[in-house]
Structure formats: C-alpha cells, structure tokens
PDB file of N, CA and C in Angstrom:
ATOM      1  N   MET A   1    -111.718 -18.799-190.998  1.00  0.00           N
ATOM      2  CA  MET A   1    -110.825 -19.324-189.900  1.00  0.00           C
ATOM      3  C   MET A   1    -111.064 -18.825-188.205  1.00  0.00           C
ATOM      4  N   LEU A   2    -111.220 -18.641-188.206  1.00  0.00           N
ATOM      5  CA  LEU A   2    -111.575 -17.719-186.705  1.00  0.00           C
ATOM      6  C   LEU A   2    -112.290 -19.317-186.399  1.00  0.00           C
ATOM      7  N   TYR A   3    -113.401 -19.125-186.917  1.00  0.00           N
ATOM      8  CA  TYR A   3    -114.350 -20.164-186.603  1.00  0.00           C
ATOM      9  C   TYR A   3    -113.791 -21.422-186.473  1.00  0.00           C
ATOM     10  N   ILE A   4    -113.056 -22.179-186.911  1.00  0.00           N
ATOM     11  CA  ILE A   4    -111.943 -23.363-186.846  1.00  0.00           C
ATOM     12  C   ILE A   4    -111.440 -23.253-185.355  1.00  0.00           C
ATOM     13  N   LEU A   5    -110.661 -22.380-185.505  1.00  0.00           N
ATOM     14  CA  LEU A   5    -109.615 -22.242-184.102  1.00  0.00           C
ATOM     15  C   LEU A   5    -110.722 -22.355-183.187  1.00  0.00           C
ATOM     16  N   GLY A   6    -112.088 -21.682-182.988  1.00  0.00           N
ATOM     17  CA  GLY A   6    -112.531 -21.376-181.949  1.00  0.00           C
ATOM     18  C   GLY A   6    -113.063 -22.939-181.648  1.00  0.00           C
ATOM     19  N   CYS A   7    -113.743 -23.550-182.402  1.00  0.00           N
ATOM     20  CA  CYS A   7    -114.262 -25.028-182.301  1.00  0.00           C
ATOM     21  C   CYS A   7    -113.153 -25.962-181.659  1.00  0.00           C
ATOM     22  N   PHE A   8    -111.811 -25.725-182.512  1.00  0.00           N
ATOM     23  CA  PHE A   8    -111.082 -26.570-181.434  1.00  0.00           C
ATOM     24  C   PHE A   8    -110.927 -26.472-180.497  1.00  0.00           C
ATOM     25  N   LEU A   9    -111.059 -25.198-179.944  1.00  0.00           N
ATOM     26  CA  LEU A   9    -110.486 -24.307-178.240  1.00  0.00           C
ATOM     27  C   LEU A   9    -111.548 -25.124-177.918  1.00  0.00           C
ATOM     28  N   GLY A  10    -112.467 -25.321-178.262  1.00  0.00           N
ATOM     29  CA  GLY A  10    -113.718 -25.188-177.432  1.00  0.00           C
ATOM     30  C   GLY A  10    -113.435 -27.061-176.949  1.00  0.00           C
ATOM     31  N   GLY A  11    -113.326 -27.186-178.393  1.00  0.00           N
ATOM     32  CA  GLY A  11    -113.165 -28.745-177.996  1.00  0.00           C
ATOM     33  C   GLY A  11    -111.731 -29.037-177.173  1.00  0.00           C
ATOM     34  N   LEU A  12    -111.104 -28.537-176.761  1.00  0.00           N
ATOM     35  CA  LEU A  12    -110.057 -29.159-176.337  1.00  0.00           C
ATOM     36  C   LEU A  12    -110.195 -28.530-174.557  1.00  0.00           C
ATOM     37  N   ALA A  13    -111.006 -27.588-174.717  1.00  0.00           N
ATOM     38  CA  ALA A  13    -111.430 -27.230-173.175  1.00  0.00           C
ATOM     39  C   ALA A  13    -112.731 -28.311-172.578  1.00  0.00           C
ATOM     40  N   VAL A  14    -113.560 -29.004-173.600  1.00  0.00           N
ATOM     41  CA  VAL A  14    -114.754 -30.183-172.866  1.00  0.00           C
ATOM     42  C   VAL A  14    -113.481 -31.210-172.809  1.00  0.00           C
ATOM     43  N   GLY A  15    -112.445 -31.365-173.618  1.00  0.00           N
ATOM     44  CA  GLY A  15    -111.908 -32.482-173.292  1.00  0.00           C
ATOM     45  C   GLY A  15    -111.245 -32.371-171.921  1.00  0.00           C
ATOM     46  N   PHE A  16    -110.529 -31.424-172.191  1.00  0.00           N
ATOM     47  CA  PHE A  16    -109.997 -31.054-170.704  1.00  0.00           C
ATOM     48  C   PHE A  16    -110.479 -31.124-169.488  1.00  0.00           C
ATOM     49  N   ALA A  17    -111.928 -30.562-169.201  1.00  0.00           N
ATOM     50  CA  ALA A  17    -112.651 -31.141-168.328  1.00  0.00           C
ATOM     51  C   ALA A  17    -113.294 -32.500-168.133  1.00  0.00           C
ATOM     52  N   MET A  18    -113.186 -33.082-169.292  1.00  0.00           N
ATOM     53  CA  MET A  18    -113.775 -34.516-169.171  1.00  0.00           C
ATOM     54  C   MET A  18    -112.554 -35.561-169.450  1.00  0.00           C
ATOM     55  N   ARG A  19    -111.281 -35.296-168.671  1.00  0.00           N
ATOM     56  CA  ARG A  19    -110.362 -36.668-168.878  1.00  0.00           C
ATOM     57  C   ARG A  19    -109.856 -36.989-167.755  1.00  0.00           C
ATOM     58  N   ARG A  20    -110.635 -36.935-167.225  1.00  0.00           N
ATOM     59  CA  ARG A  20    -111.060 -38.603-165.792  1.00  0.00           C
ATOM     60  C   ARG A  20    -112.413 -39.277-166.044  1.00  0.00           C
ATOM     61  N   GLN A  21    -113.277 -38.440-167.459  1.00  0.00           N
ATOM     62  CA  GLN A  21    -114.507 -39.629-167.807  1.00  0.00           C
ATOM     63  C   GLN A  21    -113.908 -40.164-168.678  1.00  0.00           C
ATOM     64  N   GLN A  22    -112.622 -40.658-169.322  1.00  0.00           N
ATOM     65  CA  GLN A  22    -112.178 -41.572-170.574  1.00  0.00           C
ATOM     66  C   GLN A  22    -113.263 -42.259-171.396  1.00  0.00           C
ATOM     67  N   HIS A  23    -114.068 -42.801-170.237  1.00  0.00           N
ATOM     68  CA  HIS A  23    -115.233 -43.949-170.886  1.00  0.00           C
ATOM     69  C   HIS A  23    -116.105 -43.301-171.643  1.00  0.00           C
ATOM     70  N   ARG A  24    -116.532 -42.057-171.896  1.00  0.00           N
ATOM     71  CA  ARG A  24    -117.243 -41.533-172.264  1.00  0.00           C
ATOM     72  C   ARG A  24    -116.497 -40.563-173.526  1.00  0.00           C
ATOM     73  N   LEU A  25    -115.536 -40.909-173.296  1.00  0.00           N
ATOM     74  CA  LEU A  25    -114.997 -39.831-174.571  1.00  0.00           C
ATOM     75  C   LEU A  25    -114.070 -41.197-175.986  1.00  0.00           C
ATOM     76  N   LYS A  26    -114.684 -42.268-175.555  1.00  0.00           N
ATOM     77  CA  LYS A  26    -114.212 -43.402-176.320  1.00  0.00           C
ATOM     78  C   LYS A  26    -115.106 -43.609-177.785  1.00  0.00           C
ATOM     79  N   PRO A  27    -116.247 -43.172-177.974  1.00  0.00           N
ATOM     80  CA  PRO A  27    -116.794 -43.313-179.084  1.00  0.00           C
ATOM     81  C   PRO A  27    -116.817 -41.966-179.471  1.00  0.00           C
ATOM     82  N   VAL A  28    -116.262 -41.280-179.605  1.00  0.00           N
ATOM     83  CA  VAL A  28    -115.358 -40.151-180.128  1.00  0.00           C
ATOM     84  C   VAL A  28    -114.206 -40.483-181.186  1.00  0.00           C
ATOM     85  N   GLY A  29    -113.574 -41.176-180.790  1.00  0.00           N
ATOM     86  CA  GLY A  29    -112.513 -41.906-181.262  1.00  0.00           C
ATOM     87  C   GLY A  29    -112.899 -42.663-182.885  1.00  0.00           C
ATOM     88  N   ARG A  30    -113.944 -43.383-182.326  1.00  0.00           N
ATOM     89  CA  ARG A  30    -114.450 -43.760-183.818  1.00  0.00           C
ATOM     90  C   ARG A  30    -115.041 -43.453-184.394  1.00  0.00           C
ATOM     91  N   LEU A  31    -115.592 -42.169-184.309  1.00  0.00           N
ATOM     92  CA  LEU A  31    -116.480 -40.902-184.868  1.00  0.00           C
ATOM     93  C   LEU A  31    -115.286 -40.315-185.265  1.00  0.00           C
ATOM     94  N   THR A  32    -114.710 -39.408-185.113  1.00  0.00           N
ATOM     95  CA  THR A  32    -113.159 -39.032-185.558  1.00  0.00           C
ATOM     96  C   THR A  32    -112.853 -39.919-186.931  1.00  0.00           C
ATOM     97  N   ASP A  33    -112.541 -41.120-186.458  1.00  0.00           N
ATOM     98  CA  ASP A  33    -112.242 -41.964-187.737  1.00  0.00           C
ATOM     99  C   ASP A  33    -113.098 -42.213-188.487  1.00  0.00           C
ATOM    100  N   ALA A  34    -114.397 -42.395-188.478  1.00  0.00           N
ATOM    101  CA  ALA A  34    -115.383 -42.294-189.697  1.00  0.00           C
ATOM    102  C   ALA A  34    -115.016 -40.821-190.493  1.00  0.00           C
ATOM    103  N   ALA A  35    -115.317 -39.723-189.590  1.00  0.00           N
ATOM    104  CA  ALA A  35    -115.035 -38.341-190.287  1.00  0.00           C
ATOM    105  C   ALA A  35    -114.072 -38.052-191.228  1.00  0.00           C
ATOM    106  N   VAL A  36    -112.663 -38.798-190.815  1.00  0.00           N
ATOM    107  CA  VAL A  36    -111.450 -38.722-191.760  1.00  0.00           C
ATOM    108  C   VAL A  36    -111.801 -39.191-192.651  1.00  0.00           C
ATOM    109  N   CYS A  37    -112.321 -40.462-192.500  1.00  0.00           N
ATOM    110  CA  CYS A  37    -112.914 -41.698-193.722  1.00  0.00           C
ATOM    111  C   CYS A  37    -113.337 -41.015-194.677  1.00  0.00           C
ATOM    112  N   PHE A  38    -114.818 -40.157-194.066  1.00  0.00           N
ATOM    113  CA  PHE A  38    -115.164 -39.584-195.123  1.00  0.00           C
ATOM    114  C   PHE A  38    -114.688 -38.443-196.172  1.00  0.00           C
ATOM    115  N   LEU A  39    -114.222 -37.545-195.181  1.00  0.00           N
ATOM    116  CA  LEU A  39    -113.444 -36.305-195.866  1.00  0.00           C
ATOM    117  C   LEU A  39    -112.235 -36.657-196.657  1.00  0.00           C
ATOM    118  N   LEU A  40    -111.477 -37.936-196.268  1.00  0.00           N
ATOM    119  CA  LEU A  40    -110.580 -38.332-197.638  1.00  0.00           C
ATOM    120  C   LEU A  40    -111.557 -38.894-198.658  1.00  0.00           C
ATOM    121  N   PHE A  41    -112.337 -39.646-198.629  1.00  0.00           N
ATOM    122  CA  PHE A  41    -113.336 -39.710-199.754  1.00  0.00           C
ATOM    123  C   PHE A  41    -113.644 -38.727-200.511  1.00  0.00           C
ATOM    124  N   VAL A  42    -114.180 -37.740-200.064  1.00  0.00           N
ATOM    125  CA  VAL A  42    -115.023 -36.683-200.559  1.00  0.00           C
ATOM    126  C   VAL A  42    -113.947 -35.741-201.335  1.00  0.00           C
ATOM    127  N   LEU A  43    -112.623 -36.232-201.020  1.00  0.00           N
ATOM    128  CA  LEU A  43    -111.554 -35.331-201.292  1.00  0.00           C
ATOM    129  C   LEU A  43    -111.144 -36.641-203.001  1.00  0.00           C
ATOM    130  N   GLY A  44    -111.382 -37.374-202.578  1.00  0.00           N
ATOM    131  CA  GLY A  44    -110.664 -38.288-203.839  1.00  0.00           C
ATOM    132  C   GLY A  44    -111.770 -38.274-204.981  1.00  0.00           C
ATOM    133  N   ALA A  45    -113.018 -38.283-204.328  1.00  0.00           N
ATOM    134  CA  ALA A  45    -114.278 -37.275-205.146  1.00  0.00           C
ATOM    135  C   ALA A  45    -114.001 -36.257-206.027  1.00  0.00           C
ATOM    136  N   LYS A  46    -113.806 -35.602-204.889  1.00  0.00           N
ATOM    137  CA  LYS A  46    -113.400 -33.940-206.000  1.00  0.00           C
ATOM    138  C   LYS A  46    -112.084 -33.766-206.612  1.00  0.00           C
ATOM    139  N   LEU A  47    -111.178 -34.909-206.674  1.00  0.00           N
ATOM    140  CA  LEU A  47    -109.528 -34.893-207.339  1.00  0.00           C
ATOM    141  C   LEU A  47    -110.030 -35.305-208.709  1.00  0.00           C
ATOM    142  N   GLY A  48    -110.849 -36.658-208.185  1.00  0.00           N
ATOM    143  CA  GLY A  48    -111.337 -37.506-209.460  1.00  0.00           C
ATOM    144  C   GLY A  48    -111.723 -36.315-210.714  1.00  0.00           C
ATOM    145  N   ALA A  49    -112.582 -35.750-210.192  1.00  0.00           N
ATOM    146  CA  ALA A  49    -113.854 -35.307-210.988  1.00  0.00           C
ATOM    147  C   ALA A  49    -112.924 -33.510-211.964  1.00  0.00           C
ATOM    148  N   ASN A  50    -111.119 -33.858-211.048  1.00  0.00           N
ATOM    149  CA  ASN A  50    -111.105 -32.260-211.652  1.00  0.00           C
ATOM    150  C   ASN A  50    -109.735 -32.572-213.020  1.00  0.00           C
ATOM    151  N   GLU A  51    -110.728 -32.078-214.261  1.00  0.00           N
ATOM    152  CA  GLU A  51    -110.266 -33.212-215.145  1.00  0.00           C
ATOM    153  C   GLU A  51    -109.065 -32.375-215.241  1.00  0.00           C
ATOM    154  N   THR A  52    -108.429 -31.422-215.147  1.00  0.00           N
ATOM    155  CA  THR A  52    -106.731 -30.749-215.106  1.00  0.00           C
ATOM    156  C   THR A  52    -106.059 -31.770-213.846  1.00  0.00           C
ATOM    157  N   VAL A  53    -106.351 -31.991-212.950  1.00  0.00           N
ATOM    158  CA  VAL A  53    -105.563 -32.658-212.442  1.00  0.00           C
ATOM    159  C   VAL A  53    -105.593 -34.426-213.420  1.00  0.00           C
ATOM    160  N   MET A  54    -106.439 -34.864-213.440  1.00  0.00           N
ATOM    161  CA  MET A  54    -106.687 -36.276-213.839  1.00  0.00           C
ATOM    162  C   MET A  54    -105.363 -36.280-215.156  1.00  0.00           C
ATOM    163  N   ASP A  55    -106.094 -35.083-216.183  1.00  0.00           N
ATOM    164  CA  ASP A  55    -104.822 -35.110-217.392  1.00  0.00           C
ATOM    165  C   ASP A  55    -103.685 -34.942-217.338  1.00  0.00           C
ATOM    166  N   ASN A  56    -103.053 -34.330-215.879  1.00  0.00           N
ATOM    167  CA  ASN A  56    -102.125 -34.082-215.759  1.00  0.00           C
ATOM    168  C   ASN A  56    -100.911 -34.809-214.260  1.00  0.00           C
ATOM    169  N   LEU A  57    -101.872 -36.345-213.923  1.00  0.00           N
ATOM    170  CA  LEU A  57    -101.944 -37.166-213.149  1.00  0.00           C
ATOM    171  C   LEU A  57    -100.413 -37.822-213.162  1.00  0.00           C
ATOM    172  N   GLY A  58     -99.743 -38.016-214.647  1.00  0.00           N
ATOM    173  CA  GLY A  58     -98.460 -38.512-214.550  1.00  0.00           C
ATOM    174  C   GLY A  58     -97.166 -37.431-214.306  1.00  0.00           C
ATOM    175  N   GLN A  59     -97.413 -36.343-214.617  1.00  0.00           N
ATOM    176  CA  GLN A  59     -96.298 -35.161-214.118  1.00  0.00           C
ATOM    177  C   GLN A  59     -96.684 -34.662-212.666  1.00  0.00           C
ATOM    178  N   LEU A  60     -97.506 -34.931-212.312  1.00  0.00           N
ATOM    179  CA  LEU A  60     -97.625 -34.759-210.579  1.00  0.00           C
ATOM    180  C   LEU A  60     -97.398 -35.967-209.877  1.00  0.00           C
ATOM    181  N   GLY A  61     -97.491 -37.100-210.594  1.00  0.00           N
ATOM    182  CA  GLY A  61     -96.500 -37.850-209.565  1.00  0.00           C
ATOM    183  C   GLY A  61     -95.349 -37.949-210.020  1.00  0.00           C
ATOM    184  N   TRP A  62     -94.424 -37.734-210.661  1.00  0.00           N
ATOM    185  CA  TRP A  62     -93.235 -37.083-210.618  1.00  0.00           C
ATOM    186  C   TRP A  62     -92.559 -36.803-210.252  1.00  0.00           C
ATOM    187  N   GLU A  63     -93.666 -35.139-210.126  1.00  0.00           N
ATOM    188  CA  GLU A  63     -92.932 -34.323-209.226  1.00  0.00           C
ATOM    189  C   GLU A  63     -93.405 -34.886-207.923  1.00  0.00           C
ATOM    190  N   ALA A  64     -94.136 -35.435-207.737  1.00  0.00           N
ATOM    191  CA  ALA A  64     -94.429 -35.758-206.197  1.00  0.00           C
ATOM    192  C   ALA A  64     -93.111 -36.784-205.594  1.00  0.00           C
ATOM    193  N   LEU A  65     -92.579 -37.589-206.372  1.00  0.00           N
ATOM    194  CA  LEU A  65     -91.889 -38.754-206.296  1.00  0.00           C
ATOM    195  C   LEU A  65     -90.606 -38.183-206.535  1.00  0.00           C
ATOM    196  N   TRP A  66     -90.011 -37.049-206.848  1.00  0.00           N
ATOM    197  CA  TRP A  66     -88.564 -36.012-207.010  1.00  0.00           C
ATOM    198  C   TRP A  66     -88.281 -35.154-205.524  1.00  0.00           C
ATOM    199  N   LEU A  67     -89.693 -34.871-205.774  1.00  0.00           N
ATOM    200  CA  LEU A  67     -90.229 -34.076-203.436  1.00  0.00           C
ATOM    201  C   LEU A  67     -90.099 -35.176-202.861  1.00  0.00           C
ATOM    202  N   THR A  68     -90.566 -35.999-203.030  1.00  0.00           N
ATOM    203  CA  THR A  68     -90.280 -37.177-201.371  1.00  0.00           C
ATOM    204  C   THR A  68     -88.557 -37.673-201.851  1.00  0.00           C
ATOM    205  N   LEU A  69     -88.231 -37.888-202.844  1.00  0.00           N
ATOM    206  CA  LEU A  69     -86.632 -38.201-202.826  1.00  0.00           C
ATOM    207  C   LEU A  69     -85.779 -37.347-202.210  1.00  0.00           C
ATOM    208  N   GLY A  70     -86.272 -35.888-202.413  1.00  0.00           N
ATOM    209  CA  GLY A  70     -84.959 -34.774-202.165  1.00  0.00           C
ATOM    210  C   GLY A  70     -85.161 -34.626-200.642  1.00  0.00           C
ATOM    211  N   ALA A  71     -86.554 -34.767-200.460  1.00  0.00           N
ATOM    212  CA  ALA A  71     -86.831 -34.517-198.430  1.00  0.00           C
ATOM    213  C   ALA A  71     -86.444 -35.723-197.926  1.00  0.00           C
ATOM    214  N   VAL A  72     -85.875 -37.261-198.247  1.00  0.00           N
ATOM    215  CA  VAL A  72     -86.012 -38.546-197.394  1.00  0.00           C
ATOM    216  C   VAL A  72     -84.276 -37.817-197.788  1.00  0.00           C
ATOM    217  N   LEU A  73     -83.470 -37.719-199.002  1.00  0.00           N
ATOM    218  CA  LEU A  73     -82.063 -37.590-198.504  1.00  0.00           C
ATOM    219  C   LEU A  73     -81.701 -36.659-197.825  1.00  0.00           C
ATOM    220  N   GLY A  74     -82.919 -35.341-197.938  1.00  0.00           N
ATOM    221  CA  GLY A  74     -82.006 -33.627-197.131  1.00  0.00           C
ATOM    222  C   GLY A  74     -81.984 -34.456-195.858  1.00  0.00           C
ATOM    223  N   SER A  75     -82.931 -34.871-195.372  1.00  0.00           N
ATOM    224  CA  SER A  75     -83.183 -35.875-193.761  1.00  0.00           C
ATOM    225  C   SER A  75     -81.842 -36.448-193.485  1.00  0.00           C
ATOM    226  N   LEU A  76     -81.759 -37.357-194.322  1.00  0.00           N
ATOM    227  CA  LEU A  76     -80.671 -38.360-194.188  1.00  0.00           C
ATOM    228  C   LEU A  76     -79.252 -37.376-193.833  1.00  0.00           C
ATOM    229  N   LEU A  77     -78.963 -36.762-194.782  1.00  0.00           N
ATOM    230  CA  LEU A  77     -77.468 -35.952-194.708  1.00  0.00           C
ATOM    231  C   LEU A  77     -77.904 -34.443-193.387  1.00  0.00           C
ATOM    232  N   ALA A  78     -79.070 -34.530-192.947  1.00  0.00           N
ATOM    233  CA  ALA A  78     -79.149 -33.800-191.977  1.00  0.00           C
ATOM    234  C   ALA A  78     -78.616 -34.632-190.446  1.00  0.00           C
ATOM    235  N   VAL A  79     -79.119 -35.653-190.336  1.00  0.00           N
ATOM    236  CA  VAL A  79     -79.127 -36.995-189.597  1.00  0.00           C
ATOM    237  C   VAL A  79     -78.278 -36.593-188.777  1.00  0.00           C
ATOM    238  N   ARG A  80     -77.091 -36.830-189.177  1.00  0.00           N
ATOM    239  CA  ARG A  80     -75.473 -37.391-189.345  1.00  0.00           C
ATOM    240  C   ARG A  80     -75.365 -36.092-188.042  1.00  0.00           C
ATOM    241  N   PRO A  81     -74.981 -35.081-189.188  1.00  0.00           N
ATOM    242  CA  PRO A  81     -74.306 -33.628-187.854  1.00  0.00           C
ATOM    243  C   PRO A  81     -75.026 -33.570-187.152  1.00  0.00           C
ATOM    244  N   LEU A  82     -76.378 -33.872-186.842  1.00  0.00           N
ATOM    245  CA  LEU A  82     -77.043 -33.212-186.004  1.00  0.00           C
ATOM    246  C   LEU A  82     -77.114 -34.484-184.486  1.00  0.00           C
ATOM    247  N   GLU A  83     -76.827 -35.953-184.810  1.00  0.00           N
ATOM    248  CA  GLU A  83     -76.818 -36.426-183.805  1.00  0.00           C
ATOM    249  C   GLU A  83     -75.398 -36.157-183.371  1.00  0.00           C
ATOM    250  N   ARG A  84     -74.369 -35.841-183.717  1.00  0.00           N
ATOM    251  CA  ARG A  84     -73.408 -35.609-183.593  1.00  0.00           C
ATOM    252  C   ARG A  84     -73.603 -34.452-182.331  1.00  0.00           C
ATOM    253  N   LEU A  85     -74.155 -33.384-183.057  1.00  0.00           N
ATOM    254  CA  LEU A  85     -74.042 -32.424-182.441  1.00  0.00           C
ATOM    255  C   LEU A  85     -75.057 -32.864-180.598  1.00  0.00           C
ATOM    256  N   LEU A  86     -76.144 -33.250-181.152  1.00  0.00           N
ATOM    257  CA  LEU A  86     -76.613 -34.062-179.802  1.00  0.00           C
ATOM    258  C   LEU A  86     -76.544 -34.721-178.502  1.00  0.00           C
ATOM    259  N   LYS A  87     -75.321 -35.855-179.461  1.00  0.00           N
ATOM    260  CA  LYS A  87     -73.782 -36.423-178.360  1.00  0.00           C
ATOM    261  C   LYS A  87     -73.014 -35.667-177.763  1.00  0.00           C
ATOM    262  N   GLY A  88     -72.847 -34.089-178.321  1.00  0.00           N
ATOM    263  CA  GLY A  88     -71.936 -33.336-177.818  1.00  0.00           C
ATOM    264  C   GLY A  88     -70.514 -33.551-178.054  1.00  0.00           C
ATOM    265  N   GLU A  89     -70.027 -34.398-179.301  1.00  0.00           N
ATOM    266  CA  GLU A  89     -69.232 -34.617-180.057  1.00  0.00           C
ATOM    267  C   GLU A  89     -68.667 -33.444-181.058  1.00  0.00           C
ATOM    268  N   VAL A  90     -67.272 -33.242-180.535  1.00  0.00           N
ATOM    269  CA  VAL A  90     -67.193 -31.591-181.209  1.00  0.00           C
ATOM    270  C   VAL A  90     -66.581 -32.238-182.401  1.00  0.00           C
ATOM    271  N   PRO A  91     -66.338 -31.805-183.754  1.00  0.00           N
ATOM    272  CA  PRO A  91     -65.561 -32.080-184.788  1.00  0.00           C
ATOM    273  C   PRO A  91     -64.171 -31.427-184.459  1.00  0.00           C
ATOM    274  N   GLU A  92     -63.130 -32.975-184.806  1.00  0.00           N
ATOM    275  CA  GLU A  92     -62.311 -32.063-185.058  1.00  0.00           C
ATOM    276  C   GLU A  92     -61.851 -31.054-185.767  1.00  0.00           C
ATOM    277  N   SER A  93     -60.747 -30.505-185.363  1.00  0.00           N
ATOM    278  CA  SER A  93     -60.246 -28.812-186.613  1.00  0.00           C
ATOM    279  C   SER A  93     -59.521 -29.818-187.038  1.00  0.00           C
ATOM    280  N   GLY A  94     -58.980 -28.956-187.822  1.00  0.00           N
ATOM    281  CA  GLY A  94     -57.851 -29.897-189.107  1.00  0.00           C
ATOM    282  C   GLY A  94     -56.319 -28.893-188.691  1.00  0.00           C
ATOM    283  N   GLY A  95     -56.527 -27.845-187.864  1.00  0.00           N
ATOM    284  CA  GLY A  95     -55.084 -27.933-187.324  1.00  0.00           C
ATOM    285  C   GLY A  95     -54.361 -28.722-185.608  1.00  0.00           C
ATOM    286  N   ARG A  96     -53.402 -28.855-185.344  1.00  0.00           N
ATOM    287  CA  ARG A  96     -52.807 -29.608-184.626  1.00  0.00           C
ATOM    288  C   ARG A  96     -51.946 -28.534-183.573  1.00  0.00           C
ATOM    289  N   THR A  97     -52.634 -29.072-182.635  1.00  0.00           N
ATOM    290  CA  THR A  97     -52.013 -28.118-181.033  1.00  0.00           C
ATOM    291  C   THR A  97     -50.737 -28.618-180.433  1.00  0.00           C
TER     292      THR A  97
END
C-alpha cells in the first residue's frame, strides 16, 4: 500500500512540475484510458472464471438492485432538508408567539 501511495505522490510531483507543458502530457491521457480498459477487462475475466460468483450472479444482482434503490432513495430524502439548510431557510416551529 505504501508503494502505491509513493507512486501516486511521485506522479503528482511530476505533474505539478510539468503543468506548463501540457502538450507533453496529452499521450498520458490516452495511456490512462487504455490502462483502465485493460484493468476492467482483466477484472471481468477474473470474475467470469470464478464459479462462486457466476453461480450466485442472480442473487448478487438482486442485492445490487436493492442497495442501489436504497442509496437513491436515501439521497432523495436527504436532498430537501439539506437544500433548505444551505439556502438558509429555517423550518417553522409548531408554536406561535
């Protein structure tokens, strides 16, 4: 894990040093896209070869659906109070003065 963090910080330092030379960094974007596609392919192949995952794919799909619906519903329920709070609206109290 420390190796990964070191690589990230090293790349961050190189990117910071080269921020005025954007033309040299263009190929890096294409290389990053290719690396992500390759990693997704390998991940799919690894999951496809796993018999336990493939045997339980239906159950995993239903669990993923319920988790997704719960996350969306929770987000929707949290947006309204947060929106009011950020706009500075104070909810009315039940009592009259």
